[in-house]
Amino acid sequence: MSAQNQPDETQEASLAAKGRLVSIVIVSTMVLWLLSLWLGPKLGLPGRYAFLFDFAALAGLFWALMVSLQIRRARKAARGNE
């Protein structure tokens, strides 16, 4: 019986690792974005760099959203197979 649960356990461990990666990306994106918005004017960077930082943050958060949806689909599919 444990051999039958083995693929489910490895899949769940893989999904948990993806979830941790998503959380790290979200936190680091927000910290770097806030830091760039605070540090940019202090360094005298032009306003166009603020847009660059904003778009980079949006890209990171969009990636996190897509991976989160993949995780949700995989877990829903695994529950449907049981």
N, C-alpha and C. Protein backbone atom coordinates (compact mmCIF):
# COMPACT_ATOMS: atom_id res chain seq x y z
N MET A 1 0.81 -1.19 0.00
CA MET A 1 0.00 0.00 0.00
C MET A 1 0.86 1.26 0.00
N SER A 2 2.01 1.19 0.66
CA SER A 2 2.87 2.37 0.68
C SER A 2 3.49 2.60 -0.69
N ALA A 3 3.70 1.54 -1.48
CA ALA A 3 4.23 1.71 -2.83
C ALA A 3 3.23 2.45 -3.70
N GLN A 4 1.94 2.22 -3.44
CA GLN A 4 0.92 2.91 -4.22
C GLN A 4 0.84 4.39 -3.84
N ASN A 5 1.11 4.73 -2.59
CA ASN A 5 1.07 6.11 -2.13
C ASN A 5 2.36 6.86 -2.45
N GLN A 6 3.41 6.14 -2.83
CA GLN A 6 4.70 6.77 -3.09
C GLN A 6 4.62 7.87 -4.16
N PRO A 7 4.03 7.64 -5.32
CA PRO A 7 3.97 8.72 -6.32
C PRO A 7 3.18 9.92 -5.82
N ASP A 8 2.12 9.68 -5.06
CA ASP A 8 1.35 10.79 -4.52
C ASP A 8 2.18 11.61 -3.54
N GLU A 9 2.98 10.92 -2.73
CA GLU A 9 3.81 11.62 -1.75
C GLU A 9 4.91 12.42 -2.44
N THR A 10 5.50 11.87 -3.49
CA THR A 10 6.54 12.61 -4.19
C THR A 10 5.94 13.79 -4.96
N GLN A 11 4.74 13.60 -5.50
CA GLN A 11 4.08 14.71 -6.20
C GLN A 11 3.72 15.80 -5.20
N GLU A 12 3.23 15.43 -4.04
CA GLU A 12 2.88 16.42 -3.03
C GLU A 12 4.12 17.15 -2.52
N ALA A 13 5.23 16.43 -2.38
CA ALA A 13 6.48 17.07 -1.97
C ALA A 13 6.97 18.05 -3.04
N SER A 14 6.80 17.67 -4.30
CA SER A 14 7.18 18.56 -5.40
C SER A 14 6.31 19.81 -5.41
N LEU A 15 5.02 19.65 -5.19
CA LEU A 15 4.11 20.80 -5.15
C LEU A 15 4.41 21.69 -3.95
N ALA A 16 4.78 21.09 -2.84
CA ALA A 16 5.13 21.88 -1.66
C ALA A 16 6.40 22.69 -1.92
N ALA A 17 7.37 22.09 -2.62
CA ALA A 17 8.60 22.82 -2.95
C ALA A 17 8.30 23.98 -3.89
N LYS A 18 7.39 23.76 -4.85
CA LYS A 18 6.99 24.85 -5.75
C LYS A 18 6.31 25.96 -4.97
N GLY A 19 5.48 25.58 -3.99
CA GLY A 19 4.81 26.58 -3.17
C GLY A 19 5.78 27.42 -2.37
N ARG A 20 6.82 26.77 -1.84
CA ARG A 20 7.84 27.53 -1.11
C ARG A 20 8.59 28.47 -2.04
N LEU A 21 8.87 28.01 -3.25
CA LEU A 21 9.55 28.87 -4.22
C LEU A 21 8.69 30.08 -4.57
N VAL A 22 7.39 29.85 -4.76
CA VAL A 22 6.47 30.96 -5.06
C VAL A 22 6.47 31.97 -3.92
N SER A 23 6.42 31.49 -2.69
CA SER A 23 6.41 32.42 -1.56
C SER A 23 7.71 33.22 -1.47
N ILE A 24 8.83 32.58 -1.75
CA ILE A 24 10.11 33.29 -1.73
C ILE A 24 10.15 34.34 -2.83
N VAL A 25 9.64 34.01 -4.01
CA VAL A 25 9.63 34.96 -5.12
C VAL A 25 8.73 36.15 -4.79
N ILE A 26 7.57 35.90 -4.20
CA ILE A 26 6.66 37.00 -3.86
C ILE A 26 7.30 37.93 -2.83
N VAL A 27 7.85 37.37 -1.78
CA VAL A 27 8.44 38.19 -0.72
C VAL A 27 9.65 38.96 -1.25
N SER A 28 10.53 38.28 -1.97
CA SER A 28 11.72 38.97 -2.47
C SER A 28 11.36 40.03 -3.51
N THR A 29 10.36 39.76 -4.34
CA THR A 29 9.91 40.76 -5.31
C THR A 29 9.41 42.01 -4.62
N MET A 30 8.59 41.84 -3.61
CA MET A 30 8.02 43.00 -2.92
C MET A 30 9.10 43.77 -2.17
N VAL A 31 10.02 43.06 -1.53
CA VAL A 31 11.09 43.74 -0.79
C VAL A 31 11.99 44.52 -1.75
N LEU A 32 12.38 43.89 -2.86
CA LEU A 32 13.23 44.58 -3.83
C LEU A 32 12.50 45.75 -4.48
N TRP A 33 11.22 45.59 -4.75
CA TRP A 33 10.45 46.67 -5.35
C TRP A 33 10.36 47.87 -4.40
N LEU A 34 10.03 47.61 -3.14
CA LEU A 34 9.95 48.70 -2.17
C LEU A 34 11.31 49.36 -1.95
N LEU A 35 12.34 48.54 -1.91
CA LEU A 35 13.69 49.07 -1.76
C LEU A 35 14.09 49.94 -2.95
N SER A 36 13.72 49.50 -4.14
CA SER A 36 14.06 50.30 -5.33
C SER A 36 13.29 51.61 -5.35
N LEU A 37 12.03 51.60 -4.90
CA LEU A 37 11.26 52.84 -4.87
C LEU A 37 11.78 53.81 -3.82
N TRP A 38 12.33 53.27 -2.76
CA TRP A 38 12.88 54.13 -1.70
C TRP A 38 14.28 54.63 -2.08
N LEU A 39 15.07 53.74 -2.67
CA LEU A 39 16.46 54.06 -2.96
C LEU A 39 16.63 54.86 -4.26
N GLY A 40 15.72 54.69 -5.22
CA GLY A 40 15.83 55.37 -6.52
C GLY A 40 15.97 56.87 -6.41
N PRO A 41 15.05 57.55 -5.73
CA PRO A 41 15.18 59.01 -5.61
C PRO A 41 16.42 59.45 -4.82
N LYS A 42 16.82 58.64 -3.85
CA LYS A 42 18.01 58.99 -3.06
C LYS A 42 19.28 58.94 -3.91
N LEU A 43 19.28 58.07 -4.92
CA LEU A 43 20.43 57.97 -5.82
C LEU A 43 20.31 58.92 -7.01
N GLY A 44 19.18 59.59 -7.10
CA GLY A 44 18.97 60.53 -8.19
C GLY A 44 18.63 59.87 -9.52
N LEU A 45 18.06 58.68 -9.48
CA LEU A 45 17.68 58.00 -10.73
C LEU A 45 16.47 58.70 -11.34
N PRO A 46 16.44 58.78 -12.66
CA PRO A 46 15.27 59.39 -13.33
C PRO A 46 14.00 58.56 -13.09
N GLY A 47 12.87 59.19 -13.30
CA GLY A 47 11.59 58.52 -13.07
C GLY A 47 11.33 57.33 -13.96
N ARG A 48 11.97 57.30 -15.13
CA ARG A 48 11.74 56.17 -16.04
C ARG A 48 12.24 54.86 -15.43
N TYR A 49 13.21 54.93 -14.54
CA TYR A 49 13.67 53.71 -13.88
C TYR A 49 12.62 53.17 -12.91
N ALA A 50 11.79 54.04 -12.38
CA ALA A 50 10.71 53.57 -11.51
C ALA A 50 9.77 52.66 -12.30
N PHE A 51 9.49 53.03 -13.55
CA PHE A 51 8.65 52.18 -14.39
C PHE A 51 9.33 50.85 -14.68
N LEU A 52 10.62 50.87 -14.86
CA LEU A 52 11.37 49.63 -15.08
C LEU A 52 11.24 48.71 -13.87
N PHE A 53 11.42 49.27 -12.68
CA PHE A 53 11.28 48.48 -11.45
C PHE A 53 9.85 47.98 -11.28
N ASP A 54 8.87 48.82 -11.63
CA ASP A 54 7.47 48.42 -11.53
C ASP A 54 7.17 47.24 -12.45
N PHE A 55 7.65 47.32 -13.69
CA PHE A 55 7.40 46.24 -14.63
C PHE A 55 8.12 44.96 -14.23
N ALA A 56 9.30 45.09 -13.68
CA ALA A 56 10.02 43.90 -13.20
C ALA A 56 9.25 43.25 -12.05
N ALA A 57 8.70 44.07 -11.15
CA ALA A 57 7.92 43.53 -10.04
C ALA A 57 6.64 42.87 -10.56
N LEU A 58 6.00 43.49 -11.53
CA LEU A 58 4.80 42.89 -12.11
C LEU A 58 5.12 41.55 -12.77
N ALA A 59 6.25 41.47 -13.44
CA ALA A 59 6.64 40.21 -14.08
C ALA A 59 6.86 39.11 -13.03
N GLY A 60 7.52 39.45 -11.94
CA GLY A 60 7.74 38.46 -10.87
C GLY A 60 6.44 38.01 -10.24
N LEU A 61 5.55 38.94 -10.00
CA LEU A 61 4.26 38.58 -9.40
C LEU A 61 3.38 37.81 -10.37
N PHE A 62 3.45 38.14 -11.65
CA PHE A 62 2.69 37.39 -12.66
C PHE A 62 3.19 35.95 -12.73
N TRP A 63 4.51 35.77 -12.69
CA TRP A 63 5.07 34.42 -12.69
C TRP A 63 4.58 33.63 -11.47
N ALA A 64 4.58 34.29 -10.32
CA ALA A 64 4.13 33.63 -9.09
C ALA A 64 2.66 33.23 -9.20
N LEU A 65 1.86 34.09 -9.81
CA LEU A 65 0.44 33.77 -9.99
C LEU A 65 0.27 32.56 -10.90
N MET A 66 1.00 32.51 -11.98
CA MET A 66 0.89 31.39 -12.92
C MET A 66 1.31 30.07 -12.26
N VAL A 67 2.40 30.09 -11.52
CA VAL A 67 2.85 28.86 -10.85
C VAL A 67 1.87 28.46 -9.76
N SER A 68 1.28 29.43 -9.07
CA SER A 68 0.27 29.12 -8.06
C SER A 68 -0.94 28.45 -8.69
N LEU A 69 -1.35 28.92 -9.85
CA LEU A 69 -2.47 28.29 -10.55
C LEU A 69 -2.12 26.88 -11.01
N GLN A 70 -0.88 26.66 -11.42
CA GLN A 70 -0.44 25.31 -11.79
C GLN A 70 -0.49 24.37 -10.59
N ILE A 71 -0.06 24.87 -9.44
CA ILE A 71 -0.10 24.07 -8.22
C ILE A 71 -1.54 23.71 -7.87
N ARG A 72 -2.41 24.70 -7.96
CA ARG A 72 -3.82 24.48 -7.64
C ARG A 72 -4.43 23.43 -8.58
N ARG A 73 -4.14 23.53 -9.87
CA ARG A 73 -4.66 22.55 -10.83
C ARG A 73 -4.14 21.15 -10.53
N ALA A 74 -2.86 21.05 -10.22
CA ALA A 74 -2.26 19.74 -9.96
C ALA A 74 -2.88 19.11 -8.71
N ARG A 75 -3.09 19.91 -7.67
CA ARG A 75 -3.71 19.37 -6.46
C ARG A 75 -5.15 18.98 -6.70
N LYS A 76 -5.86 19.77 -7.49
CA LYS A 76 -7.25 19.44 -7.81
C LYS A 76 -7.33 18.16 -8.63
N ALA A 77 -6.41 18.00 -9.57
CA ALA A 77 -6.37 16.79 -10.38
C ALA A 77 -6.02 15.57 -9.53
N ALA A 78 -5.12 15.74 -8.58
CA ALA A 78 -4.73 14.62 -7.71
C ALA A 78 -5.91 14.21 -6.82
N ARG A 79 -6.69 15.17 -6.35
CA ARG A 79 -7.86 14.84 -5.55
C ARG A 79 -8.93 14.18 -6.38
N GLY A 80 -9.03 14.54 -7.65
CA GLY A 80 -10.03 13.94 -8.54
C GLY A 80 -9.72 12.50 -8.86
N ASN A 81 -8.44 12.13 -8.84
CA ASN A 81 -8.04 10.75 -9.15
C ASN A 81 -8.24 9.80 -7.99
N GLU A 82 -8.40 10.33 -6.80
CA GLU A 82 -8.53 9.45 -5.62
C GLU A 82 -9.89 8.84 -5.54
